[in-house]
C-alpha atoms as a PDB file:
ATOM      1  CA  GLU A   1      79.344 -19.133  24.120  1.00  0.00           C
ATOM      2  CA  VAL A   2      82.382 -18.263  21.680  1.00  0.00           C
ATOM      3  CA  GLN A   3      85.900 -17.932  23.257  1.00  0.00           C
ATOM      4  CA  LEU A   4      89.212 -17.668  22.618  1.00  0.00           C
ATOM      5  CA  GLN A   5      91.881 -17.831  25.703  1.00  0.00           C
ATOM      6  CA  ALA A   6      95.025 -17.098  24.964  1.00  0.00           C
ATOM      7  CA  SER A   7      97.569 -18.051  27.986  1.00  0.00           C
ATOM      8  CA  GLY A   8     101.365 -18.719  28.484  1.00  0.00           C
ATOM      9  CA  GLY A   9     102.792 -15.411  28.490  1.00  0.00           C
ATOM     10  CA  GLY A  10     105.085 -14.491  31.308  1.00  0.00           C
ATOM     11  CA  LEU A  11     108.771 -12.724  31.967  1.00  0.00           C
ATOM     12  CA  VAL A  12     111.552 -14.399  30.225  1.00  0.00           C
ATOM     13  CA  GLN A  13     114.898 -13.526  29.745  1.00  0.00           C
ATOM     14  CA  ALA A  14     116.339 -12.883  26.472  1.00  0.00           C
ATOM     15  CA  GLY A  15     117.387 -15.902  24.659  1.00  0.00           C
ATOM     16  CA  GLY A  16     114.374 -17.987  25.775  1.00  0.00           C
ATOM     17  CA  SER A  17     111.404 -19.675  24.451  1.00  0.00           C
ATOM     18  CA  LEU A  18     107.994 -19.407  25.431  1.00  0.00           C
ATOM     19  CA  ARG A  19     104.973 -21.839  24.310  1.00  0.00           C
ATOM     20  CA  LEU A  20     101.308 -19.546  24.201  1.00  0.00           C
ATOM     21  CA  SER A  21      97.889 -21.308  23.674  1.00  0.00           C
ATOM     22  CA  CYS A  22      94.918 -20.176  22.236  1.00  0.00           C
ATOM     23  CA  ALA A  23      92.090 -22.255  23.308  1.00  0.00           C
ATOM     24  CA  ALA A  24      88.902 -22.128  21.053  1.00  0.00           C
ATOM     25  CA  SER A  25      85.297 -22.929  22.268  1.00  0.00           C
ATOM     26  CA  GLY A  26      82.150 -22.415  20.836  1.00  0.00           C
ATOM     27  CA  PHE A  27      83.067 -22.711  17.363  1.00  0.00           C
ATOM     28  CA  THR A  28      84.931 -25.337  15.037  1.00  0.00           C
ATOM     29  CA  LEU A  29      88.329 -24.506  14.652  1.00  0.00           C
ATOM     30  CA  ALA A  30      88.770 -26.305  11.415  1.00  0.00           C
ATOM     31  CA  ASP A  31      86.153 -23.509   9.809  1.00  0.00           C
ATOM     32  CA  TYR A  32      88.662 -20.668  10.515  1.00  0.00           C
ATOM     33  CA  ALA A  33      92.084 -19.412  10.135  1.00  0.00           C
ATOM     34  CA  ILE A  34      93.515 -18.429  13.458  1.00  0.00           C
ATOM     35  CA  GLY A  35      95.974 -15.845  13.711  1.00  0.00           C
ATOM     36  CA  TRP A  36      98.390 -14.603  16.340  1.00  0.00           C
ATOM     37  CA  PHE A  37      99.247 -10.848  16.941  1.00  0.00           C
ATOM     38  CA  ARG A  38     101.133  -8.638  19.482  1.00  0.00           C
ATOM     39  CA  GLN A  39     100.515  -5.150  20.303  1.00  0.00           C
ATOM     40  CA  ALA A  40     103.360  -3.384  22.520  1.00  0.00           C
ATOM     41  CA  PRO A  41     102.820   0.093  24.133  1.00  0.00           C
ATOM     42  CA  GLY A  42     102.657   2.976  21.931  1.00  0.00           C
ATOM     43  CA  LYS A  43     103.610   0.529  18.917  1.00  0.00           C
ATOM     44  CA  GLU A  44     101.130  -0.694  15.938  1.00  0.00           C
ATOM     45  CA  ARG A  45      99.722  -4.190  16.020  1.00  0.00           C
ATOM     46  CA  GLU A  46     101.434  -6.829  14.265  1.00  0.00           C
ATOM     47  CA  GLY A  47     100.522 -10.120  12.949  1.00  0.00           C
ATOM     48  CA  VAL A  48     103.155 -12.874  13.744  1.00  0.00           C
ATOM     49  CA  ALA A  49     101.499 -16.296  12.387  1.00  0.00           C
ATOM     50  CA  CYS A  50      98.285 -17.568  11.304  1.00  0.00           C
ATOM     51  CA  ILE A  51      97.243 -21.137  10.676  1.00  0.00           C
ATOM     52  CA  SER A  52      94.506 -23.036   8.949  1.00  0.00           C
ATOM     53  CA  SER A  53      93.896 -25.948  10.943  1.00  0.00           C
ATOM     54  CA  ASN A  54      92.330 -28.470   8.767  1.00  0.00           C
ATOM     55  CA  ASP A  55      95.029 -28.286   6.272  1.00  0.00           C
ATOM     56  CA  GLY A  56      97.965 -27.334   8.269  1.00  0.00           C
ATOM     57  CA  SER A  57      98.935 -24.418   6.171  1.00  0.00           C
ATOM     58  CA  ALA A  58     100.932 -21.422   7.831  1.00  0.00           C
ATOM     59  CA  TYR A  59     101.979 -18.294   7.295  1.00  0.00           C
ATOM     60  CA  ASN A  60     104.693 -15.765   9.136  1.00  0.00           C
ATOM     61  CA  PRO A  61     104.606 -12.188   8.015  1.00  0.00           C
ATOM     62  CA  VAL A  62     108.469 -11.446   7.123  1.00  0.00           C
ATOM     63  CA  HIS A  63     109.382  -9.580  10.332  1.00  0.00           C
ATOM     64  CA  ALA A  64     108.135 -12.727  11.893  1.00  0.00           C
ATOM     65  CA  LYS A  65     109.822 -15.698  10.066  1.00  0.00           C
ATOM     66  CA  GLY A  66     112.320 -17.979  11.462  1.00  0.00           C
ATOM     67  CA  ARG A  67     111.412 -17.373  15.618  1.00  0.00           C
ATOM     68  CA  PHE A  68     107.405 -18.136  15.868  1.00  0.00           C
ATOM     69  CA  THR A  69     105.975 -21.353  14.816  1.00  0.00           C
ATOM     70  CA  ILE A  70     102.386 -21.818  14.772  1.00  0.00           C
ATOM     71  CA  SER A  71     100.740 -25.128  14.919  1.00  0.00           C
ATOM     72  CA  SER A  72      97.223 -26.482  16.098  1.00  0.00           C
ATOM     73  CA  ASP A  73      96.028 -29.271  17.915  1.00  0.00           C
ATOM     74  CA  ASN A  74      92.119 -30.015  16.642  1.00  0.00           C
ATOM     75  CA  ALA A  75      91.259 -32.326  18.988  1.00  0.00           C
ATOM     76  CA  LYS A  76      91.884 -29.800  21.724  1.00  0.00           C
ATOM     77  CA  ASN A  77      90.615 -27.066  19.594  1.00  0.00           C
ATOM     78  CA  THR A  78      93.689 -25.257  20.653  1.00  0.00           C
ATOM     79  CA  VAL A  79      96.431 -23.622  18.448  1.00  0.00           C
ATOM     80  CA  TYR A  80     100.018 -22.813  19.466  1.00  0.00           C
ATOM     81  CA  LEU A  81     102.625 -20.250  19.297  1.00  0.00           C
ATOM     82  CA  GLN A  82     106.293 -21.137  19.847  1.00  0.00           C
ATOM     83  CA  VAL A  83     108.450 -18.008  20.180  1.00  0.00           C
ATOM     84  CA  ASN A  84     112.392 -18.750  20.417  1.00  0.00           C
ATOM     85  CA  SER A  85     115.087 -16.689  20.849  1.00  0.00           C
ATOM     86  CA  LEU A  86     112.768 -14.191  22.482  1.00  0.00           C
ATOM     87  CA  LYS A  87     114.455 -10.663  22.470  1.00  0.00           C
ATOM     88  CA  PRO A  88     113.214  -7.407  24.517  1.00  0.00           C
ATOM     89  CA  GLU A  89     111.695  -6.198  21.548  1.00  0.00           C
ATOM     90  CA  ASP A  90     109.047  -9.207  21.321  1.00  0.00           C
ATOM     91  CA  THR A  91     107.611  -7.661  24.664  1.00  0.00           C
ATOM     92  CA  ALA A  92     103.963  -7.015  23.803  1.00  0.00           C
ATOM     93  CA  VAL A  93     100.311  -8.695  24.529  1.00  0.00           C
ATOM     94  CA  TYR A  94      99.918 -11.291  22.439  1.00  0.00           C
ATOM     95  CA  TYR A  95      96.342 -12.314  21.327  1.00  0.00           C
ATOM     96  CA  CYS A  96      94.712 -14.415  18.872  1.00  0.00           C
ATOM     97  CA  ALA A  97      92.095 -13.933  16.533  1.00  0.00           C
ATOM     98  CA  ALA A  98      89.567 -16.070  14.055  1.00  0.00           C
ATOM     99  CA  ARG A  99      88.229 -15.299  10.787  1.00  0.00           C
ATOM    100  CA  LYS A 100      86.120 -17.604   8.861  1.00  0.00           C
ATOM    101  CA  LYS A 101      87.310 -19.326   5.825  1.00  0.00           C
ATOM    102  CA  PRO A 102      87.554 -18.541   3.298  1.00  0.00           C
ATOM    103  CA  LEU A 103      89.594 -15.663   3.802  1.00  0.00           C
ATOM    104  CA  ARG A 104      88.850 -13.089   1.448  1.00  0.00           C
ATOM    105  CA  ALA A 105      92.516 -12.427   0.398  1.00  0.00           C
ATOM    106  CA  GLY A 106      94.610 -14.904   1.996  1.00  0.00           C
ATOM    107  CA  MET A 107      96.735 -15.115   5.474  1.00  0.00           C
ATOM    108  CA  GLY A 108      98.811 -12.609   4.534  1.00  0.00           C
ATOM    109  CA  TYR A 109      95.663  -9.988   4.208  1.00  0.00           C
ATOM    110  CA  PHE A 110      94.094 -11.134   7.466  1.00  0.00           C
ATOM    111  CA  MET A 111      97.889 -10.650   9.000  1.00  0.00           C
ATOM    112  CA  ALA A 112      97.898  -7.299   7.902  1.00  0.00           C
ATOM    113  CA  GLN A 113      94.652  -6.109   9.140  1.00  0.00           C
ATOM    114  CA  GLY A 114      93.091  -4.708  12.414  1.00  0.00           C
ATOM    115  CA  PRO A 115      90.235  -5.733  14.498  1.00  0.00           C
ATOM    116  CA  ASN A 116      87.344  -5.162  11.802  1.00  0.00           C
ATOM    117  CA  GLU A 117      88.601  -8.566  10.003  1.00  0.00           C
ATOM    118  CA  TYR A 118      88.499 -10.467  13.112  1.00  0.00           C
ATOM    119  CA  ASP A 119      85.434 -12.830  13.619  1.00  0.00           C
ATOM    120  CA  TYR A 120      86.384 -13.569  17.017  1.00  0.00           C
ATOM    121  CA  ARG A 121      88.976 -12.207  19.388  1.00  0.00           C
ATOM    122  CA  GLY A 122      90.853 -13.280  22.759  1.00  0.00           C
ATOM    123  CA  GLN A 123      91.699 -10.918  25.546  1.00  0.00           C
ATOM    124  CA  GLY A 124      95.622 -11.615  24.950  1.00  0.00           C
ATOM    125  CA  THR A 125      98.531 -12.854  27.400  1.00  0.00           C
ATOM    126  CA  LEU A 126     101.268 -10.694  28.373  1.00  0.00           C
ATOM    127  CA  VAL A 127     105.053 -11.655  27.297  1.00  0.00           C
ATOM    128  CA  THR A 128     107.567  -9.491  28.946  1.00  0.00           C
ATOM    129  CA  VAL A 129     111.206 -10.153  27.990  1.00  0.00           C
ATOM    130  CA  SER A 130     114.150  -9.025  29.944  1.00  0.00           C
ATOM    131  CA  SER A 131     117.497  -8.119  28.617  1.00  0.00           C
END
């Protein structure tokens, strides 16, 4: 059974940090690009980071450069998202999604697309940032 299990969310004060985890099972992580996305109430979904774990290449959309760092541990079949200097506007449900490589138009395209572009998606973890 294919699963993407996101965890690590919680309540944190502004300025703090969190590390989110996306544990993959039922498929080979190296064959997929894994992206982290977020959706806040009343707002559009946003891609924040993407990684190709077999070569370590990573991508952040412009709005997510600097504070969001994605990494992977292939031995654990897990992708991480480190978020620093959290702001109240980072409050959202964060979820991970997978797309089989090769990506049709690169990581930027994958980050900008919605669920139709996902092969698999996790259920999300809530991050709440208090001011």
